[in-house]
PDB file of N, CA and C in Angstrom:
ATOM      1  N   MET A   1     -13.841 -17.200  46.106  1.00  0.00           N
ATOM      2  CA  MET A   1     -13.861 -16.217  45.053  1.00  0.00           C
ATOM      3  C   MET A   1     -13.195 -16.764  43.785  1.00  0.00           C
ATOM      4  N   ILE A   2     -12.092 -17.480  43.941  1.00  0.00           N
ATOM      5  CA  ILE A   2     -11.393 -18.052  42.797  1.00  0.00           C
ATOM      6  C   ILE A   2     -12.274 -19.110  42.122  1.00  0.00           C
ATOM      7  N   THR A   3     -12.968 -19.900  42.927  1.00  0.00           N
ATOM      8  CA  THR A   3     -13.862 -20.919  42.377  1.00  0.00           C
ATOM      9  C   THR A   3     -14.995 -20.275  41.592  1.00  0.00           C
ATOM     10  N   PHE A   4     -15.517 -19.175  42.086  1.00  0.00           N
ATOM     11  CA  PHE A   4     -16.585 -18.461  41.384  1.00  0.00           C
ATOM     12  C   PHE A   4     -16.101 -17.949  40.029  1.00  0.00           C
ATOM     13  N   ILE A   5     -14.924 -17.376  39.995  1.00  0.00           N
ATOM     14  CA  ILE A   5     -14.368 -16.859  38.741  1.00  0.00           C
ATOM     15  C   ILE A   5     -14.090 -18.009  37.775  1.00  0.00           C
ATOM     16  N   ASP A   6     -13.561 -19.119  38.304  1.00  0.00           N
ATOM     17  CA  ASP A   6     -13.317 -20.283  37.449  1.00  0.00           C
ATOM     18  C   ASP A   6     -14.616 -20.825  36.869  1.00  0.00           C
ATOM     19  N   ASN A   7     -15.655 -20.890  37.699  1.00  0.00           N
ATOM     20  CA  ASN A   7     -16.947 -21.369  37.213  1.00  0.00           C
ATOM     21  C   ASN A   7     -17.573 -20.397  36.214  1.00  0.00           C
ATOM     22  N   LEU A   8     -17.298 -19.120  36.372  1.00  0.00           N
ATOM     23  CA  LEU A   8     -17.848 -18.112  35.479  1.00  0.00           C
ATOM     24  C   LEU A   8     -17.220 -18.189  34.095  1.00  0.00           C
ATOM     25  N   PHE A   9     -15.914 -18.413  34.044  1.00  0.00           N
ATOM     26  CA  PHE A   9     -15.201 -18.429  32.770  1.00  0.00           C
ATOM     27  C   PHE A   9     -15.003 -19.823  32.192  1.00  0.00           C
ATOM     28  N   ALA A  10     -15.441 -20.852  32.860  1.00  0.00           N
ATOM     29  CA  ALA A  10     -15.253 -22.223  32.369  1.00  0.00           C
ATOM     30  C   ALA A  10     -15.911 -22.461  31.009  1.00  0.00           C
ATOM     31  N   PRO A  11     -17.159 -22.026  30.779  1.00  0.00           N
ATOM     32  CA  PRO A  11     -17.740 -22.262  29.436  1.00  0.00           C
ATOM     33  C   PRO A  11     -16.980 -21.544  28.319  1.00  0.00           C
ATOM     34  N   VAL A  12     -16.522 -20.347  28.596  1.00  0.00           N
ATOM     35  CA  VAL A  12     -15.777 -19.596  27.594  1.00  0.00           C
ATOM     36  C   VAL A  12     -14.452 -20.286  27.300  1.00  0.00           C
ATOM     37  N   LEU A  13     -13.768 -20.719  28.328  1.00  0.00           N
ATOM     38  CA  LEU A  13     -12.501 -21.421  28.129  1.00  0.00           C
ATOM     39  C   LEU A  13     -12.703 -22.739  27.395  1.00  0.00           C
ATOM     40  N   GLN A  14     -13.787 -23.437  27.694  1.00  0.00           N
ATOM     41  CA  GLN A  14     -14.078 -24.691  26.995  1.00  0.00           C
ATOM     42  C   GLN A  14     -14.376 -24.432  25.521  1.00  0.00           C
ATOM     43  N   LEU A  15     -15.122 -23.366  25.232  1.00  0.00           N
ATOM     44  CA  LEU A  15     -15.398 -23.004  23.848  1.00  0.00           C
ATOM     45  C   LEU A  15     -14.115 -22.667  23.101  1.00  0.00           C
ATOM     46  N   LEU A  16     -13.246 -21.892  23.724  1.00  0.00           N
ATOM     47  CA  LEU A  16     -11.972 -21.552  23.097  1.00  0.00           C
ATOM     48  C   LEU A  16     -11.108 -22.785  22.873  1.00  0.00           C
ATOM     49  N   GLN A  17     -11.124 -23.706  23.806  1.00  0.00           N
ATOM     50  CA  GLN A  17     -10.361 -24.948  23.646  1.00  0.00           C
ATOM     51  C   GLN A  17     -10.919 -25.775  22.500  1.00  0.00           C
ATOM     52  N   ASP A  18     -12.249 -25.816  22.365  1.00  0.00           N
ATOM     53  CA  ASP A  18     -12.856 -26.532  21.246  1.00  0.00           C
ATOM     54  C   ASP A  18     -12.480 -25.894  19.911  1.00  0.00           C
ATOM     55  N   VAL A  19     -12.437 -24.566  19.862  1.00  0.00           N
ATOM     56  CA  VAL A  19     -12.037 -23.871  18.644  1.00  0.00           C
ATOM     57  C   VAL A  19     -10.587 -24.187  18.306  1.00  0.00           C
ATOM     58  N   ILE A  20      -9.722 -24.189  19.303  1.00  0.00           N
ATOM     59  CA  ILE A  20      -8.308 -24.516  19.072  1.00  0.00           C
ATOM     60  C   ILE A  20      -8.166 -25.934  18.542  1.00  0.00           C
ATOM     61  N   ASN A  21      -8.897 -26.881  19.124  1.00  0.00           N
ATOM     62  CA  ASN A  21      -8.833 -28.266  18.654  1.00  0.00           C
ATOM     63  C   ASN A  21      -9.325 -28.387  17.214  1.00  0.00           C
ATOM     64  N   PHE A  22     -10.410 -27.677  16.891  1.00  0.00           N
ATOM     65  CA  PHE A  22     -10.938 -27.714  15.522  1.00  0.00           C
ATOM     66  C   PHE A  22      -9.937 -27.133  14.531  1.00  0.00           C
ATOM     67  N   LEU A  23      -9.312 -26.011  14.892  1.00  0.00           N
ATOM     68  CA  LEU A  23      -8.342 -25.387  13.998  1.00  0.00           C
ATOM     69  C   LEU A  23      -7.095 -26.243  13.829  1.00  0.00           C
ATOM     70  N   GLN A  24      -6.694 -26.953  14.860  1.00  0.00           N
ATOM     71  CA  GLN A  24      -5.542 -27.841  14.728  1.00  0.00           C
ATOM     72  C   GLN A  24      -5.853 -28.988  13.784  1.00  0.00           C
ATOM     73  N   GLN A  25      -7.076 -29.518  13.841  1.00  0.00           N
ATOM     74  CA  GLN A  25      -7.457 -30.581  12.919  1.00  0.00           C
ATOM     75  C   GLN A  25      -7.558 -30.048  11.497  1.00  0.00           C
ATOM     76  N   ALA A  26      -8.057 -28.824  11.341  1.00  0.00           N
ATOM     77  CA  ALA A  26      -8.184 -28.234  10.013  1.00  0.00           C
ATOM     78  C   ALA A  26      -6.811 -27.947   9.421  1.00  0.00           C
ATOM     79  N   SER A  27      -5.851 -27.563  10.254  1.00  0.00           N
ATOM     80  CA  SER A  27      -4.526 -27.251   9.728  1.00  0.00           C
ATOM     81  C   SER A  27      -3.817 -28.498   9.230  1.00  0.00           C
ATOM     82  N   THR A  28      -4.086 -29.649   9.819  1.00  0.00           N
ATOM     83  CA  THR A  28      -3.451 -30.866   9.323  1.00  0.00           C
ATOM     84  C   THR A  28      -3.978 -31.222   7.941  1.00  0.00           C
ATOM     85  N   VAL A  29      -5.257 -30.940   7.689  1.00  0.00           N
ATOM     86  CA  VAL A  29      -5.818 -31.203   6.371  1.00  0.00           C
ATOM     87  C   VAL A  29      -5.283 -30.180   5.369  1.00  0.00           C
ATOM     88  N   ALA A  30      -5.211 -28.916   5.770  1.00  0.00           N
ATOM     89  CA  ALA A  30      -4.746 -27.872   4.864  1.00  0.00           C
ATOM     90  C   ALA A  30      -3.249 -27.971   4.606  1.00  0.00           C
ATOM     91  N   ALA A  31      -2.512 -28.568   5.516  1.00  0.00           N
ATOM     92  CA  ALA A  31      -1.065 -28.673   5.346  1.00  0.00           C
ATOM     93  C   ALA A  31      -0.689 -29.641   4.229  1.00  0.00           C
ATOM     94  N   ALA A  32      -1.637 -30.458   3.800  1.00  0.00           N
ATOM     95  CA  ALA A  32      -1.352 -31.392   2.725  1.00  0.00           C
ATOM     96  C   ALA A  32      -1.085 -30.656   1.421  1.00  0.00           C
ATOM     97  N   GLY A  33      -1.744 -29.531   1.212  1.00  0.00           N
ATOM     98  CA  GLY A  33      -1.507 -28.720   0.028  1.00  0.00           C
ATOM     99  C   GLY A  33      -2.176 -29.281  -1.213  1.00  0.00           C
ATOM    100  N   ILE A  34      -1.947 -28.609  -2.302  1.00  0.00           N
ATOM    101  CA  ILE A  34      -2.512 -29.015  -3.584  1.00  0.00           C
ATOM    102  C   ILE A  34      -1.369 -29.464  -4.478  1.00  0.00           C
ATOM    103  N   ASN A  35      -1.512 -30.627  -5.033  1.00  0.00           N
ATOM    104  CA  ASN A  35      -0.499 -31.153  -5.950  1.00  0.00           C
ATOM    105  C   ASN A  35      -0.880 -30.709  -7.358  1.00  0.00           C
ATOM    106  N   ILE A  36      -0.160 -29.726  -7.873  1.00  0.00           N
ATOM    107  CA  ILE A  36      -0.471 -29.156  -9.185  1.00  0.00           C
ATOM    108  C   ILE A  36      -0.275 -30.184 -10.291  1.00  0.00           C
ATOM    109  N   SER A  37       0.638 -31.108 -10.110  1.00  0.00           N
ATOM    110  CA  SER A  37       0.914 -32.079 -11.171  1.00  0.00           C
ATOM    111  C   SER A  37      -0.284 -33.000 -11.409  1.00  0.00           C
ATOM    112  N   ASP A  38      -1.192 -33.110 -10.436  1.00  0.00           N
ATOM    113  CA  ASP A  38      -2.403 -33.900 -10.664  1.00  0.00           C
ATOM    114  C   ASP A  38      -3.272 -33.276 -11.748  1.00  0.00           C
ATOM    115  N   TYR A  39      -3.236 -31.966 -11.857  1.00  0.00           N
ATOM    116  CA  TYR A  39      -4.094 -31.268 -12.800  1.00  0.00           C
ATOM    117  C   TYR A  39      -3.388 -30.955 -14.125  1.00  0.00           C
ATOM    118  N   PHE A  40      -2.077 -30.795 -14.098  1.00  0.00           N
ATOM    119  CA  PHE A  40      -1.343 -30.404 -15.294  1.00  0.00           C
ATOM    120  C   PHE A  40      -0.321 -31.446 -15.729  1.00  0.00           C
ATOM    121  N   SER A  41      -0.470 -32.685 -15.327  1.00  0.00           N
ATOM    122  CA  SER A  41       0.509 -33.707 -15.704  1.00  0.00           C
ATOM    123  C   SER A  41       0.441 -34.013 -17.193  1.00  0.00           C
ATOM    124  N   TRP A  42      -0.687 -33.764 -17.826  1.00  0.00           N
ATOM    125  CA  TRP A  42      -0.806 -34.012 -19.262  1.00  0.00           C
ATOM    126  C   TRP A  42       0.084 -33.083 -20.078  1.00  0.00           C
ATOM    127  N   LEU A  43       0.533 -31.974 -19.489  1.00  0.00           N
ATOM    128  CA  LEU A  43       1.433 -31.071 -20.213  1.00  0.00           C
ATOM    129  C   LEU A  43       2.801 -31.707 -20.444  1.00  0.00           C
ATOM    130  N   GLY A  44       3.190 -32.629 -19.592  1.00  0.00           N
ATOM    131  CA  GLY A  44       4.476 -33.294 -19.739  1.00  0.00           C
ATOM    132  C   GLY A  44       4.537 -34.203 -20.950  1.00  0.00           C
ATOM    133  N   VAL A  45       3.403 -34.601 -21.475  1.00  0.00           N
ATOM    134  CA  VAL A  45       3.349 -35.484 -22.636  1.00  0.00           C
ATOM    135  C   VAL A  45       3.553 -34.699 -23.927  1.00  0.00           C
ATOM    136  N   LEU A  46       3.276 -33.413 -23.888  1.00  0.00           N
ATOM    137  CA  LEU A  46       3.346 -32.592 -25.089  1.00  0.00           C
ATOM    138  C   LEU A  46       4.787 -32.361 -25.538  1.00  0.00           C
ATOM    139  N   ASP A  47       4.919 -31.957 -26.783  1.00  0.00           N
ATOM    140  CA  ASP A  47       6.204 -31.558 -27.353  1.00  0.00           C
ATOM    141  C   ASP A  47       6.751 -30.344 -26.592  1.00  0.00           C
ATOM    142  N   PRO A  48       8.061 -30.119 -26.567  1.00  0.00           N
ATOM    143  CA  PRO A  48       8.590 -28.938 -25.875  1.00  0.00           C
ATOM    144  C   PRO A  48       8.021 -27.620 -26.413  1.00  0.00           C
ATOM    145  N   ALA A  49       7.744 -27.542 -27.703  1.00  0.00           N
ATOM    146  CA  ALA A  49       7.168 -26.319 -28.261  1.00  0.00           C
ATOM    147  C   ALA A  49       5.765 -26.084 -27.711  1.00  0.00           C
ATOM    148  N   TRP A  50       4.984 -27.153 -27.643  1.00  0.00           N
ATOM    149  CA  TRP A  50       3.640 -27.027 -27.096  1.00  0.00           C
ATOM    150  C   TRP A  50       3.684 -26.746 -25.596  1.00  0.00           C
ATOM    151  N   GLN A  51       4.668 -27.307 -24.912  1.00  0.00           N
ATOM    152  CA  GLN A  51       4.810 -27.018 -23.481  1.00  0.00           C
ATOM    153  C   GLN A  51       5.092 -25.541 -23.256  1.00  0.00           C
ATOM    154  N   GLY A  52       5.921 -24.952 -24.114  1.00  0.00           N
ATOM    155  CA  GLY A  52       6.186 -23.517 -24.009  1.00  0.00           C
ATOM    156  C   GLY A  52       4.936 -22.697 -24.248  1.00  0.00           C
ATOM    157  N   ASP A  53       4.133 -23.115 -25.240  1.00  0.00           N
ATOM    158  CA  ASP A  53       2.877 -22.407 -25.504  1.00  0.00           C
ATOM    159  C   ASP A  53       1.917 -22.529 -24.320  1.00  0.00           C
ATOM    160  N   ALA A  54       1.824 -23.727 -23.764  1.00  0.00           N
ATOM    161  CA  ALA A  54       0.931 -23.933 -22.627  1.00  0.00           C
ATOM    162  C   ALA A  54       1.411 -23.137 -21.414  1.00  0.00           C
ATOM    163  N   ASN A  55       2.726 -23.106 -21.200  1.00  0.00           N
ATOM    164  CA  ASN A  55       3.266 -22.319 -20.088  1.00  0.00           C
ATOM    165  C   ASN A  55       2.993 -20.836 -20.276  1.00  0.00           C
ATOM    166  N   ALA A  56       3.133 -20.354 -21.520  1.00  0.00           N
ATOM    167  CA  ALA A  56       2.852 -18.949 -21.793  1.00  0.00           C
ATOM    168  C   ALA A  56       1.377 -18.645 -21.572  1.00  0.00           C
ATOM    169  N   LEU A  57       0.508 -19.549 -21.981  1.00  0.00           N
ATOM    170  CA  LEU A  57      -0.925 -19.353 -21.788  1.00  0.00           C
ATOM    171  C   LEU A  57      -1.281 -19.323 -20.303  1.00  0.00           C
ATOM    172  N   LEU A  58      -0.729 -20.275 -19.545  1.00  0.00           N
ATOM    173  CA  LEU A  58      -1.011 -20.309 -18.104  1.00  0.00           C
ATOM    174  C   LEU A  58      -0.424 -19.095 -17.396  1.00  0.00           C
ATOM    175  N   SER A  59       0.743 -18.649 -17.824  1.00  0.00           N
ATOM    176  CA  SER A  59       1.344 -17.453 -17.222  1.00  0.00           C
ATOM    177  C   SER A  59       0.504 -16.217 -17.528  1.00  0.00           C
ATOM    178  N   GLY A  60       0.009 -16.130 -18.765  1.00  0.00           N
ATOM    179  CA  GLY A  60      -0.853 -15.008 -19.120  1.00  0.00           C
ATOM    180  C   GLY A  60      -2.147 -15.001 -18.326  1.00  0.00           C
ATOM    181  N   LEU A  61      -2.737 -16.184 -18.134  1.00  0.00           N
ATOM    182  CA  LEU A  61      -3.958 -16.267 -17.322  1.00  0.00           C
ATOM    183  C   LEU A  61      -3.687 -15.890 -15.871  1.00  0.00           C
ATOM    184  N   ALA A  62      -2.540 -16.299 -15.352  1.00  0.00           N
ATOM    185  CA  ALA A  62      -2.187 -15.937 -13.977  1.00  0.00           C
ATOM    186  C   ALA A  62      -1.988 -14.432 -13.856  1.00  0.00           C
ATOM    187  N   LEU A  63      -1.343 -13.823 -14.858  1.00  0.00           N
ATOM    188  CA  LEU A  63      -1.157 -12.375 -14.840  1.00  0.00           C
ATOM    189  C   LEU A  63      -2.491 -11.646 -14.901  1.00  0.00           C
ATOM    190  N   LEU A  64      -3.396 -12.112 -15.759  1.00  0.00           N
ATOM    191  CA  LEU A  64      -4.723 -11.493 -15.829  1.00  0.00           C
ATOM    192  C   LEU A  64      -5.477 -11.634 -14.506  1.00  0.00           C
ATOM    193  N   ALA A  65      -5.363 -12.781 -13.882  1.00  0.00           N
ATOM    194  CA  ALA A  65      -6.031 -12.981 -12.589  1.00  0.00           C
ATOM    195  C   ALA A  65      -5.472 -12.019 -11.544  1.00  0.00           C
ATOM    196  N   ILE A  66      -4.153 -11.843 -11.528  1.00  0.00           N
ATOM    197  CA  ILE A  66      -3.537 -10.914 -10.571  1.00  0.00           C
ATOM    198  C   ILE A  66      -3.993  -9.492 -10.842  1.00  0.00           C
ATOM    199  N   LEU A  67      -4.080  -9.122 -12.117  1.00  0.00           N
ATOM    200  CA  LEU A  67      -4.539  -7.768 -12.452  1.00  0.00           C
ATOM    201  C   LEU A  67      -5.993  -7.543 -12.055  1.00  0.00           C
ATOM    202  N   PHE A  68      -6.849  -8.538 -12.278  1.00  0.00           N
ATOM    203  CA  PHE A  68      -8.247  -8.405 -11.874  1.00  0.00           C
ATOM    204  C   PHE A  68      -8.379  -8.292 -10.361  1.00  0.00           C
ATOM    205  N   ILE A  69      -7.581  -9.050  -9.631  1.00  0.00           N
ATOM    206  CA  ILE A  69      -7.619  -8.976  -8.167  1.00  0.00           C
ATOM    207  C   ILE A  69      -7.126  -7.614  -7.691  1.00  0.00           C
ATOM    208  N   ALA A  70      -6.049  -7.125  -8.302  1.00  0.00           N
ATOM    209  CA  ALA A  70      -5.527  -5.804  -7.926  1.00  0.00           C
ATOM    210  C   ALA A  70      -6.551  -4.725  -8.230  1.00  0.00           C
ATOM    211  N   ARG A  71      -7.239  -4.826  -9.369  1.00  0.00           N
ATOM    212  CA  ARG A  71      -8.269  -3.845  -9.706  1.00  0.00           C
ATOM    213  C   ARG A  71      -9.421  -3.885  -8.707  1.00  0.00           C
ATOM    214  N   ALA A  72      -9.821  -5.088  -8.298  1.00  0.00           N
ATOM    215  CA  ALA A  72     -10.910  -5.207  -7.326  1.00  0.00           C
ATOM    216  C   ALA A  72     -10.504  -4.617  -5.979  1.00  0.00           C
ATOM    217  N   VAL A  73      -9.265  -4.854  -5.561  1.00  0.00           N
ATOM    218  CA  VAL A  73      -8.786  -4.301  -4.294  1.00  0.00           C
ATOM    219  C   VAL A  73      -8.716  -2.780  -4.370  1.00  0.00           C
ATOM    220  N   TYR A  74      -8.269  -2.252  -5.512  1.00  0.00           N
ATOM    221  CA  TYR A  74      -8.188  -0.797  -5.673  1.00  0.00           C
ATOM    222  C   TYR A  74      -9.584  -0.174  -5.685  1.00  0.00           C
ATOM    223  N   ARG A  75     -10.533  -0.831  -6.325  1.00  0.00           N
ATOM    224  CA  ARG A  75     -11.914  -0.322  -6.309  1.00  0.00           C
ATOM    225  C   ARG A  75     -12.486  -0.344  -4.902  1.00  0.00           C
ATOM    226  N   LEU A  76     -12.167  -1.371  -4.140  1.00  0.00           N
ATOM    227  CA  LEU A  76     -12.613  -1.433  -2.748  1.00  0.00           C
ATOM    228  C   LEU A  76     -11.993  -0.299  -1.940  1.00  0.00           C
ATOM    229  N   TYR A  77     -10.720  -0.033  -2.179  1.00  0.00           N
ATOM    230  CA  TYR A  77     -10.041   1.071  -1.503  1.00  0.00           C
ATOM    231  C   TYR A  77     -10.711   2.403  -1.832  1.00  0.00           C
ATOM    232  N   LEU A  78     -11.009   2.618  -3.119  1.00  0.00           N
ATOM    233  CA  LEU A  78     -11.661   3.865  -3.513  1.00  0.00           C
ATOM    234  C   LEU A  78     -13.061   3.979  -2.923  1.00  0.00           C
ATOM    235  N   ALA A  79     -13.790   2.873  -2.861  1.00  0.00           N
ATOM    236  CA  ALA A  79     -15.125   2.899  -2.271  1.00  0.00           C
ATOM    237  C   ALA A  79     -15.050   3.226  -0.781  1.00  0.00           C
ATOM    238  N   LEU A  80     -14.070   2.651  -0.095  1.00  0.00           N
ATOM    239  CA  LEU A  80     -13.909   2.969   1.327  1.00  0.00           C
ATOM    240  C   LEU A  80     -13.500   4.415   1.511  1.00  0.00           C
ATOM    241  N   LYS A  81     -12.624   4.893   0.648  1.00  0.00           N
ATOM    242  CA  LYS A  81     -12.179   6.272   0.736  1.00  0.00           C
ATOM    243  C   LYS A  81     -13.340   7.236   0.457  1.00  0.00           C
ATOM    244  N   GLN A  82     -14.180   6.899  -0.496  1.00  0.00           N
ATOM    245  CA  GLN A  82     -15.340   7.730  -0.800  1.00  0.00           C
ATOM    246  C   GLN A  82     -16.352   7.675   0.344  1.00  0.00           C
ATOM    247  N   GLY A  83     -16.460   6.528   0.980  1.00  0.00           N
ATOM    248  CA  GLY A  83     -17.429   6.370   2.069  1.00  0.00           C
ATOM    249  C   GLY A  83     -17.035   7.111   3.332  1.00  0.00           C
ATOM    250  N   ILE A  84     -15.740   7.282   3.519  1.00  0.00           N
ATOM    251  CA  ILE A  84     -15.263   7.985   4.711  1.00  0.00           C
ATOM    252  C   ILE A  84     -14.926   9.403   4.297  1.00  0.00           C
ATOM    253  N   LYS A  85     -15.800  10.334   4.625  1.00  0.00           N
ATOM    254  CA  LYS A  85     -15.676  11.705   4.116  1.00  0.00           C
ATOM    255  C   LYS A  85     -14.523  12.493   4.759  1.00  0.00           C
ATOM    256  N   TRP A  86     -14.119  12.142   5.942  1.00  0.00           N
ATOM    257  CA  TRP A  86     -13.100  12.934   6.635  1.00  0.00           C
ATOM    258  C   TRP A  86     -11.676  12.495   6.305  1.00  0.00           C
ATOM    259  N   TRP A  87     -11.530  11.528   5.418  1.00  0.00           N
ATOM    260  CA  TRP A  87     -10.205  11.029   5.080  1.00  0.00           C
ATOM    261  C   TRP A  87      -9.517  11.977   4.140  1.00  0.00           C
TER     262      TRP A  87
END
């Protein structure tokens, strides 16, 4: 009986093991991260005044991106709330 159960679940366990192995390999690649200085190293060459302007511009763009994401999430929430009539 134990052999039958093992044979029954062996493909599923093998699939799960393959998924775990794939995710472990993917995590090693993702753990490297993104080096921001590769993209913005040219800002270090600028004058301190220009660096402040560039930092303010990038901060403003980041704030706008956060606001757009928050608005999209809120619209999704409202759409779900409208879709579920008993809420």
